[in-house]
Amino acid sequence: MSRVLRQLALARSSSIGVGRVLPMRAASKKSKGKKGTAVESDSTAVEAPSLESMQSRMEGAVDVLKRELASLRTGRANPRMLDSLHVDAHGSSQMLKQVAQVTARDPRVLTINVFDPKLVPDVVKAVQGANMGLNPQVDNNIIRVPVPKCVPR
């Protein structure tokens, strides 16, 4: 991988443009054939990725990192903590944000407002089964989820 990065750096500094095929020497490997004769591999060519494709891949990686950091439990109620929950609703598995609205009205309590009142027990079951240590409390059609404090180990 570092060899490809060096080739990209050379391509940027020289007159060769990014996106062209750059020659790259493979290590000379000898392998034995059927009758014990040595065979050497030839050099191969690797196409350098374009700047646009590298930029889009990096933006995708940053987006994934942002989602992962938002779902971390810090002891403060964050509605994105429950983004990965799936609810068995209407005979299929749906994301929680498709069947309910999750808000944090204060730093310790998440409030889940379910769109269909028939799905309240299913949402409670999904929150309890998420293995996050959360115990939802039902109040009519609104579900309150107290977020416990983080305890250092």
N, C-alpha and C. Protein backbone atom coordinates (compact mmCIF):
# COMPACT_ATOMS: atom_id res chain seq x y z
N MET A 1 0.82 -1.19 0.00
CA MET A 1 0.00 0.00 0.00
C MET A 1 0.87 1.25 0.00
N SER A 2 1.96 1.21 0.74
CA SER A 2 2.83 2.39 0.79
C SER A 2 3.47 2.63 -0.56
N ARG A 3 3.66 1.57 -1.34
CA ARG A 3 4.23 1.71 -2.67
C ARG A 3 3.28 2.50 -3.56
N VAL A 4 1.99 2.23 -3.44
CA VAL A 4 0.99 2.96 -4.23
C VAL A 4 0.96 4.42 -3.82
N LEU A 5 1.06 4.70 -2.51
CA LEU A 5 1.07 6.08 -2.06
C LEU A 5 2.30 6.82 -2.56
N ARG A 6 3.44 6.16 -2.58
CA ARG A 6 4.65 6.79 -3.13
C ARG A 6 4.46 7.11 -4.60
N GLN A 7 3.86 6.17 -5.35
CA GLN A 7 3.61 6.40 -6.78
C GLN A 7 2.68 7.59 -6.97
N LEU A 8 1.65 7.71 -6.10
CA LEU A 8 0.74 8.86 -6.20
C LEU A 8 1.48 10.16 -5.92
N ALA A 9 2.34 10.16 -4.92
CA ALA A 9 3.11 11.36 -4.60
C ALA A 9 4.03 11.74 -5.76
N LEU A 10 4.65 10.75 -6.37
CA LEU A 10 5.50 11.02 -7.53
C LEU A 10 4.68 11.54 -8.70
N ALA A 11 3.48 10.99 -8.88
CA ALA A 11 2.63 11.42 -9.98
C ALA A 11 2.19 12.86 -9.80
N ARG A 12 1.93 13.26 -8.57
CA ARG A 12 1.51 14.64 -8.33
C ARG A 12 2.66 15.62 -8.54
N SER A 13 3.86 15.22 -8.15
CA SER A 13 5.00 16.14 -8.25
C SER A 13 5.57 16.19 -9.67
N SER A 14 5.41 15.13 -10.43
CA SER A 14 5.94 15.12 -11.79
C SER A 14 4.86 15.53 -12.78
N SER A 15 5.15 15.40 -14.02
CA SER A 15 4.21 15.81 -15.06
C SER A 15 3.15 14.75 -15.33
N ILE A 16 3.29 13.58 -14.72
CA ILE A 16 2.29 12.53 -14.92
C ILE A 16 1.05 12.91 -14.13
N GLY A 17 -0.12 12.88 -14.75
CA GLY A 17 -1.35 13.26 -14.09
C GLY A 17 -1.95 12.11 -13.30
N VAL A 18 -2.74 12.45 -12.30
CA VAL A 18 -3.43 11.43 -11.52
C VAL A 18 -4.49 10.80 -12.40
N GLY A 19 -4.64 9.51 -12.33
CA GLY A 19 -5.63 8.81 -13.13
C GLY A 19 -5.01 8.02 -14.27
N ARG A 20 -3.72 8.24 -14.53
CA ARG A 20 -3.04 7.46 -15.57
C ARG A 20 -2.51 6.17 -14.98
N VAL A 21 -2.20 5.27 -15.85
CA VAL A 21 -1.65 3.99 -15.41
C VAL A 21 -0.17 4.17 -15.12
N LEU A 22 0.22 3.83 -13.91
CA LEU A 22 1.61 3.97 -13.51
C LEU A 22 2.25 2.60 -13.42
N PRO A 23 3.45 2.43 -13.97
CA PRO A 23 4.10 1.13 -13.85
C PRO A 23 4.59 0.92 -12.43
N MET A 24 4.51 -0.31 -11.99
CA MET A 24 4.94 -0.62 -10.64
C MET A 24 5.64 -1.96 -10.67
N ARG A 25 6.84 -1.99 -10.16
CA ARG A 25 7.60 -3.23 -10.20
C ARG A 25 7.15 -4.16 -9.10
N ALA A 26 6.86 -5.35 -9.48
CA ALA A 26 6.52 -6.37 -8.48
C ALA A 26 7.82 -6.98 -8.00
N ALA A 27 7.81 -7.45 -6.79
CA ALA A 27 9.01 -8.11 -6.28
C ALA A 27 9.26 -9.36 -7.09
N SER A 28 10.48 -9.61 -7.39
CA SER A 28 10.83 -10.76 -8.19
C SER A 28 10.62 -12.02 -7.35
N LYS A 29 9.59 -12.77 -7.69
CA LYS A 29 9.29 -13.98 -6.97
C LYS A 29 9.60 -15.17 -7.86
N LYS A 30 10.24 -16.11 -7.29
CA LYS A 30 10.55 -17.32 -8.03
C LYS A 30 9.67 -18.44 -7.49
N SER A 31 9.04 -19.12 -8.39
CA SER A 31 8.24 -20.26 -7.96
C SER A 31 8.62 -21.45 -8.82
N LYS A 32 8.56 -22.59 -8.27
CA LYS A 32 8.95 -23.78 -8.99
C LYS A 32 7.80 -24.27 -9.85
N GLY A 33 8.11 -24.60 -11.06
CA GLY A 33 7.13 -25.19 -11.96
C GLY A 33 7.04 -26.68 -11.70
N LYS A 34 6.43 -27.40 -12.60
CA LYS A 34 6.25 -28.84 -12.41
C LYS A 34 7.58 -29.59 -12.43
N LYS A 35 8.50 -29.14 -13.30
CA LYS A 35 9.75 -29.87 -13.45
C LYS A 35 10.90 -29.19 -12.73
N GLY A 36 10.58 -28.29 -11.78
CA GLY A 36 11.63 -27.67 -11.00
C GLY A 36 12.26 -26.47 -11.66
N THR A 37 11.68 -25.93 -12.74
CA THR A 37 12.25 -24.76 -13.40
C THR A 37 11.75 -23.51 -12.68
N ALA A 38 12.61 -22.53 -12.59
CA ALA A 38 12.25 -21.29 -11.91
C ALA A 38 11.53 -20.36 -12.88
N VAL A 39 10.45 -19.72 -12.41
CA VAL A 39 9.67 -18.79 -13.22
C VAL A 39 9.66 -17.46 -12.51
N GLU A 40 10.02 -16.36 -13.19
CA GLU A 40 10.01 -15.04 -12.58
C GLU A 40 8.76 -14.30 -13.03
N SER A 41 8.18 -13.51 -12.11
CA SER A 41 6.98 -12.75 -12.45
C SER A 41 7.38 -11.47 -13.16
N ASP A 42 6.49 -10.97 -13.99
CA ASP A 42 6.73 -9.74 -14.74
C ASP A 42 6.25 -8.55 -13.93
N SER A 43 6.61 -7.35 -14.37
CA SER A 43 6.14 -6.14 -13.70
C SER A 43 4.67 -5.94 -14.04
N THR A 44 3.93 -5.35 -13.13
CA THR A 44 2.50 -5.12 -13.33
C THR A 44 2.22 -3.65 -13.31
N ALA A 45 1.06 -3.25 -13.82
CA ALA A 45 0.65 -1.85 -13.84
C ALA A 45 -0.54 -1.68 -12.92
N VAL A 46 -0.53 -0.60 -12.14
CA VAL A 46 -1.62 -0.31 -11.22
C VAL A 46 -2.15 1.06 -11.58
N GLU A 47 -3.48 1.16 -11.69
CA GLU A 47 -4.07 2.45 -12.02
C GLU A 47 -4.24 3.26 -10.75
N ALA A 48 -3.75 4.48 -10.78
CA ALA A 48 -3.87 5.36 -9.62
C ALA A 48 -5.30 5.85 -9.51
N PRO A 49 -5.86 5.89 -8.29
CA PRO A 49 -7.23 6.36 -8.13
C PRO A 49 -7.33 7.86 -8.42
N SER A 50 -8.46 8.28 -8.93
CA SER A 50 -8.63 9.70 -9.23
C SER A 50 -8.87 10.47 -7.94
N LEU A 51 -8.62 11.75 -8.00
CA LEU A 51 -8.78 12.61 -6.84
C LEU A 51 -10.23 12.64 -6.38
N GLU A 52 -11.17 12.62 -7.33
CA GLU A 52 -12.58 12.66 -6.98
C GLU A 52 -13.01 11.39 -6.24
N SER A 53 -12.52 10.23 -6.69
CA SER A 53 -12.90 8.99 -6.02
C SER A 53 -12.29 8.92 -4.62
N MET A 54 -11.06 9.41 -4.48
CA MET A 54 -10.44 9.42 -3.15
C MET A 54 -11.18 10.36 -2.22
N GLN A 55 -11.61 11.50 -2.75
CA GLN A 55 -12.33 12.47 -1.92
C GLN A 55 -13.68 11.92 -1.49
N SER A 56 -14.40 11.25 -2.38
CA SER A 56 -15.71 10.69 -2.03
C SER A 56 -15.56 9.55 -1.02
N ARG A 57 -14.51 8.75 -1.14
CA ARG A 57 -14.27 7.68 -0.17
C ARG A 57 -13.94 8.24 1.20
N MET A 58 -13.16 9.31 1.25
CA MET A 58 -12.83 9.94 2.53
C MET A 58 -14.05 10.57 3.17
N GLU A 59 -14.92 11.20 2.36
CA GLU A 59 -16.14 11.78 2.91
C GLU A 59 -17.04 10.69 3.49
N GLY A 60 -17.09 9.55 2.82
CA GLY A 60 -17.86 8.42 3.34
C GLY A 60 -17.30 7.92 4.65
N ALA A 61 -15.99 7.86 4.76
CA ALA A 61 -15.36 7.41 6.00
C ALA A 61 -15.63 8.40 7.13
N VAL A 62 -15.61 9.68 6.85
CA VAL A 62 -15.88 10.69 7.86
C VAL A 62 -17.34 10.60 8.32
N ASP A 63 -18.27 10.35 7.38
CA ASP A 63 -19.68 10.20 7.74
C ASP A 63 -19.89 9.00 8.66
N VAL A 64 -19.24 7.89 8.37
CA VAL A 64 -19.35 6.71 9.21
C VAL A 64 -18.80 7.00 10.60
N LEU A 65 -17.67 7.69 10.67
CA LEU A 65 -17.08 8.04 11.96
C LEU A 65 -18.01 8.94 12.76
N LYS A 66 -18.66 9.91 12.11
CA LYS A 66 -19.60 10.80 12.80
C LYS A 66 -20.77 10.01 13.38
N ARG A 67 -21.30 9.05 12.59
CA ARG A 67 -22.41 8.22 13.08
C ARG A 67 -21.98 7.38 14.27
N GLU A 68 -20.79 6.80 14.19
CA GLU A 68 -20.30 5.97 15.29
C GLU A 68 -20.08 6.80 16.55
N LEU A 69 -19.50 7.99 16.42
CA LEU A 69 -19.27 8.84 17.59
C LEU A 69 -20.57 9.34 18.20
N ALA A 70 -21.58 9.59 17.35
CA ALA A 70 -22.87 10.06 17.87
C ALA A 70 -23.59 8.98 18.65
N SER A 71 -23.33 7.72 18.35
CA SER A 71 -24.03 6.64 19.05
C SER A 71 -23.33 6.21 20.33
N LEU A 72 -22.20 6.81 20.67
CA LEU A 72 -21.51 6.47 21.91
C LEU A 72 -22.32 6.93 23.11
N ARG A 73 -22.27 6.13 24.16
CA ARG A 73 -22.96 6.49 25.39
C ARG A 73 -22.03 7.30 26.27
N THR A 74 -22.40 8.53 26.54
CA THR A 74 -21.57 9.41 27.34
C THR A 74 -22.24 9.77 28.66
N GLY A 75 -23.40 9.20 28.95
CA GLY A 75 -24.12 9.54 30.17
C GLY A 75 -25.12 10.66 29.94
N ARG A 76 -25.11 11.23 28.78
CA ARG A 76 -26.04 12.29 28.43
C ARG A 76 -27.00 11.74 27.38
N ALA A 77 -28.28 12.06 27.51
CA ALA A 77 -29.29 11.56 26.59
C ALA A 77 -29.07 12.16 25.20
N ASN A 78 -28.92 11.31 24.22
CA ASN A 78 -28.73 11.72 22.84
C ASN A 78 -29.68 10.90 21.97
N PRO A 79 -30.58 11.53 21.22
CA PRO A 79 -31.54 10.78 20.41
C PRO A 79 -30.89 9.82 19.41
N ARG A 80 -29.66 10.09 19.01
CA ARG A 80 -29.00 9.23 18.04
C ARG A 80 -28.52 7.91 18.65
N MET A 81 -28.61 7.80 19.97
CA MET A 81 -28.24 6.55 20.63
C MET A 81 -29.13 5.40 20.15
N LEU A 82 -30.37 5.73 19.79
CA LEU A 82 -31.35 4.72 19.41
C LEU A 82 -31.52 4.59 17.91
N ASP A 83 -30.64 5.20 17.13
CA ASP A 83 -30.76 5.14 15.66
C ASP A 83 -30.65 3.73 15.10
N SER A 84 -29.90 2.88 15.74
CA SER A 84 -29.68 1.54 15.20
C SER A 84 -30.74 0.53 15.62
N LEU A 85 -31.74 0.97 16.40
CA LEU A 85 -32.77 0.04 16.86
C LEU A 85 -33.76 -0.30 15.75
N HIS A 86 -34.13 -1.58 15.72
CA HIS A 86 -35.15 -2.05 14.78
C HIS A 86 -36.36 -2.51 15.57
N VAL A 87 -37.55 -2.16 15.09
CA VAL A 87 -38.80 -2.49 15.75
C VAL A 87 -39.58 -3.44 14.84
N ASP A 88 -40.12 -4.51 15.41
CA ASP A 88 -40.99 -5.41 14.64
C ASP A 88 -42.36 -4.75 14.56
N ALA A 89 -42.63 -4.09 13.45
CA ALA A 89 -43.88 -3.35 13.28
C ALA A 89 -44.57 -3.78 11.99
N HIS A 90 -45.84 -4.07 12.10
CA HIS A 90 -46.67 -4.43 10.94
C HIS A 90 -46.09 -5.62 10.18
N GLY A 91 -45.52 -6.56 10.89
CA GLY A 91 -45.02 -7.78 10.26
C GLY A 91 -43.65 -7.68 9.64
N SER A 92 -42.96 -6.56 9.81
CA SER A 92 -41.60 -6.43 9.27
C SER A 92 -40.74 -5.64 10.24
N SER A 93 -39.44 -5.73 10.07
CA SER A 93 -38.51 -5.01 10.92
C SER A 93 -38.27 -3.63 10.32
N GLN A 94 -38.56 -2.59 11.12
CA GLN A 94 -38.38 -1.22 10.66
C GLN A 94 -37.49 -0.47 11.64
N MET A 95 -36.81 0.54 11.14
CA MET A 95 -35.98 1.38 11.99
C MET A 95 -36.88 2.16 12.95
N LEU A 96 -36.38 2.44 14.14
CA LEU A 96 -37.17 3.16 15.14
C LEU A 96 -37.57 4.54 14.65
N LYS A 97 -36.66 5.21 13.93
CA LYS A 97 -36.99 6.57 13.47
C LYS A 97 -38.06 6.59 12.40
N GLN A 98 -38.44 5.41 11.85
CA GLN A 98 -39.53 5.35 10.87
C GLN A 98 -40.88 5.18 11.54
N VAL A 99 -40.89 4.73 12.80
CA VAL A 99 -42.16 4.51 13.49
C VAL A 99 -42.35 5.45 14.67
N ALA A 100 -41.32 6.23 15.03
CA ALA A 100 -41.42 7.11 16.19
C ALA A 100 -40.45 8.27 16.06
N GLN A 101 -40.71 9.28 16.88
CA GLN A 101 -39.81 10.44 16.96
C GLN A 101 -39.11 10.39 18.32
N VAL A 102 -37.78 10.48 18.29
CA VAL A 102 -36.99 10.42 19.52
C VAL A 102 -36.42 11.81 19.79
N THR A 103 -36.68 12.31 21.01
CA THR A 103 -36.15 13.62 21.39
C THR A 103 -35.53 13.52 22.78
N ALA A 104 -34.68 14.49 23.10
CA ALA A 104 -34.08 14.59 24.42
C ALA A 104 -34.49 15.94 24.99
N ARG A 105 -35.45 15.91 25.90
CA ARG A 105 -35.93 17.17 26.46
C ARG A 105 -35.06 17.66 27.61
N ASP A 106 -34.40 16.74 28.30
CA ASP A 106 -33.43 17.13 29.31
C ASP A 106 -32.23 16.19 29.20
N PRO A 107 -31.14 16.47 29.88
CA PRO A 107 -29.90 15.69 29.68
C PRO A 107 -29.96 14.23 30.11
N ARG A 108 -30.97 13.81 30.85
CA ARG A 108 -31.01 12.45 31.36
C ARG A 108 -32.16 11.60 30.84
N VAL A 109 -33.09 12.17 30.06
CA VAL A 109 -34.27 11.42 29.63
C VAL A 109 -34.49 11.57 28.13
N LEU A 110 -34.65 10.42 27.46
CA LEU A 110 -35.07 10.41 26.05
C LEU A 110 -36.59 10.24 26.02
N THR A 111 -37.24 10.93 25.11
CA THR A 111 -38.68 10.82 24.95
C THR A 111 -38.96 10.25 23.56
N ILE A 112 -39.72 9.15 23.53
CA ILE A 112 -40.07 8.51 22.26
C ILE A 112 -41.56 8.71 22.04
N ASN A 113 -41.91 9.41 20.98
CA ASN A 113 -43.30 9.64 20.62
C ASN A 113 -43.64 8.73 19.44
N VAL A 114 -44.39 7.67 19.70
CA VAL A 114 -44.71 6.68 18.67
C VAL A 114 -45.85 7.20 17.81
N PHE A 115 -45.71 7.07 16.49
CA PHE A 115 -46.72 7.57 15.57
C PHE A 115 -48.00 6.75 15.64
N ASP A 116 -47.89 5.44 15.74
CA ASP A 116 -49.05 4.54 15.83
C ASP A 116 -49.13 4.00 17.26
N PRO A 117 -50.19 4.34 18.01
CA PRO A 117 -50.27 3.90 19.41
C PRO A 117 -50.25 2.38 19.58
N LYS A 118 -50.59 1.62 18.56
CA LYS A 118 -50.58 0.16 18.65
C LYS A 118 -49.15 -0.38 18.72
N LEU A 119 -48.18 0.42 18.32
CA LEU A 119 -46.79 -0.04 18.29
C LEU A 119 -46.00 0.25 19.56
N VAL A 120 -46.65 0.88 20.57
CA VAL A 120 -45.95 1.23 21.81
C VAL A 120 -45.33 -0.01 22.47
N PRO A 121 -46.06 -1.13 22.63
CA PRO A 121 -45.42 -2.31 23.25
C PRO A 121 -44.24 -2.85 22.43
N ASP A 122 -44.33 -2.77 21.11
CA ASP A 122 -43.23 -3.25 20.26
C ASP A 122 -41.99 -2.37 20.41
N VAL A 123 -42.19 -1.06 20.54
CA VAL A 123 -41.07 -0.14 20.71
C VAL A 123 -40.42 -0.37 22.08
N VAL A 124 -41.23 -0.57 23.12
CA VAL A 124 -40.69 -0.84 24.46
C VAL A 124 -39.87 -2.12 24.44
N LYS A 125 -40.39 -3.14 23.77
CA LYS A 125 -39.69 -4.42 23.66
C LYS A 125 -38.35 -4.25 22.93
N ALA A 126 -38.32 -3.43 21.89
CA ALA A 126 -37.09 -3.20 21.13
C ALA A 126 -36.05 -2.46 21.97
N VAL A 127 -36.48 -1.48 22.76
CA VAL A 127 -35.55 -0.71 23.60
C VAL A 127 -34.99 -1.61 24.70
N GLN A 128 -35.85 -2.43 25.30
CA GLN A 128 -35.38 -3.33 26.35
C GLN A 128 -34.46 -4.41 25.80
N GLY A 129 -34.72 -4.87 24.60
CA GLY A 129 -33.92 -5.93 24.00
C GLY A 129 -32.65 -5.44 23.33
N ALA A 130 -32.37 -4.14 23.39
CA ALA A 130 -31.19 -3.59 22.72
C ALA A 130 -29.91 -3.81 23.50
N ASN A 131 -30.02 -4.33 24.72
CA ASN A 131 -28.84 -4.61 25.55
C ASN A 131 -28.02 -3.35 25.79
N MET A 132 -28.71 -2.25 26.06
CA MET A 132 -28.05 -0.98 26.34
C MET A 132 -28.23 -0.57 27.80
N GLY A 133 -28.93 -1.37 28.57
CA GLY A 133 -29.17 -1.04 29.97
C GLY A 133 -30.21 0.03 30.16
N LEU A 134 -31.13 0.17 29.21
CA LEU A 134 -32.17 1.19 29.29
C LEU A 134 -33.49 0.53 29.69
N ASN A 135 -34.24 1.19 30.58
CA ASN A 135 -35.53 0.69 31.04
C ASN A 135 -36.60 1.73 30.73
N PRO A 136 -37.34 1.55 29.63
CA PRO A 136 -38.36 2.54 29.24
C PRO A 136 -39.56 2.51 30.18
N GLN A 137 -40.19 3.68 30.32
CA GLN A 137 -41.40 3.84 31.12
C GLN A 137 -42.48 4.38 30.21
N VAL A 138 -43.64 3.71 30.19
CA VAL A 138 -44.72 4.08 29.29
C VAL A 138 -45.68 5.02 30.00
N ASP A 139 -46.05 6.12 29.33
CA ASP A 139 -47.04 7.07 29.82
C ASP A 139 -47.97 7.40 28.65
N ASN A 140 -49.09 6.70 28.56
CA ASN A 140 -50.03 6.77 27.43
C ASN A 140 -49.31 6.38 26.14
N ASN A 141 -49.17 7.30 25.20
CA ASN A 141 -48.50 7.00 23.93
C ASN A 141 -47.05 7.47 23.91
N ILE A 142 -46.59 8.02 25.02
CA ILE A 142 -45.22 8.54 25.09
C ILE A 142 -44.39 7.58 25.94
N ILE A 143 -43.19 7.30 25.45
CA ILE A 143 -42.26 6.42 26.17
C ILE A 143 -41.10 7.28 26.64
N ARG A 144 -40.84 7.23 27.96
CA ARG A 144 -39.70 7.96 28.52
C ARG A 144 -38.61 6.95 28.86
N VAL A 145 -37.40 7.26 28.42
CA VAL A 145 -36.27 6.36 28.65
C VAL A 145 -35.21 7.11 29.45
N PRO A 146 -35.11 6.85 30.77
CA PRO A 146 -34.05 7.49 31.54
C PRO A 146 -32.69 6.89 31.18
N VAL A 147 -31.72 7.76 30.98
CA VAL A 147 -30.37 7.32 30.61
C VAL A 147 -29.53 7.33 31.89
N PRO A 148 -29.02 6.18 32.32
CA PRO A 148 -28.24 6.15 33.55
C PRO A 148 -26.87 6.83 33.36
N LYS A 149 -26.32 7.27 34.49
CA LYS A 149 -25.00 7.89 34.46
C LYS A 149 -23.95 6.84 34.12
N CYS A 150 -22.90 7.29 33.44
CA CYS A 150 -21.78 6.41 33.16
C CYS A 150 -20.93 6.28 34.41
N VAL A 151 -20.61 5.06 34.77
CA VAL A 151 -19.81 4.81 35.95
C VAL A 151 -18.44 4.33 35.50
N PRO A 152 -17.36 5.03 35.91
CA PRO A 152 -16.02 4.56 35.49
C PRO A 152 -15.70 3.23 36.15
N ARG A 153 -15.00 2.39 35.43
CA ARG A 153 -14.66 1.06 35.95
C ARG A 153 -13.33 1.07 36.60
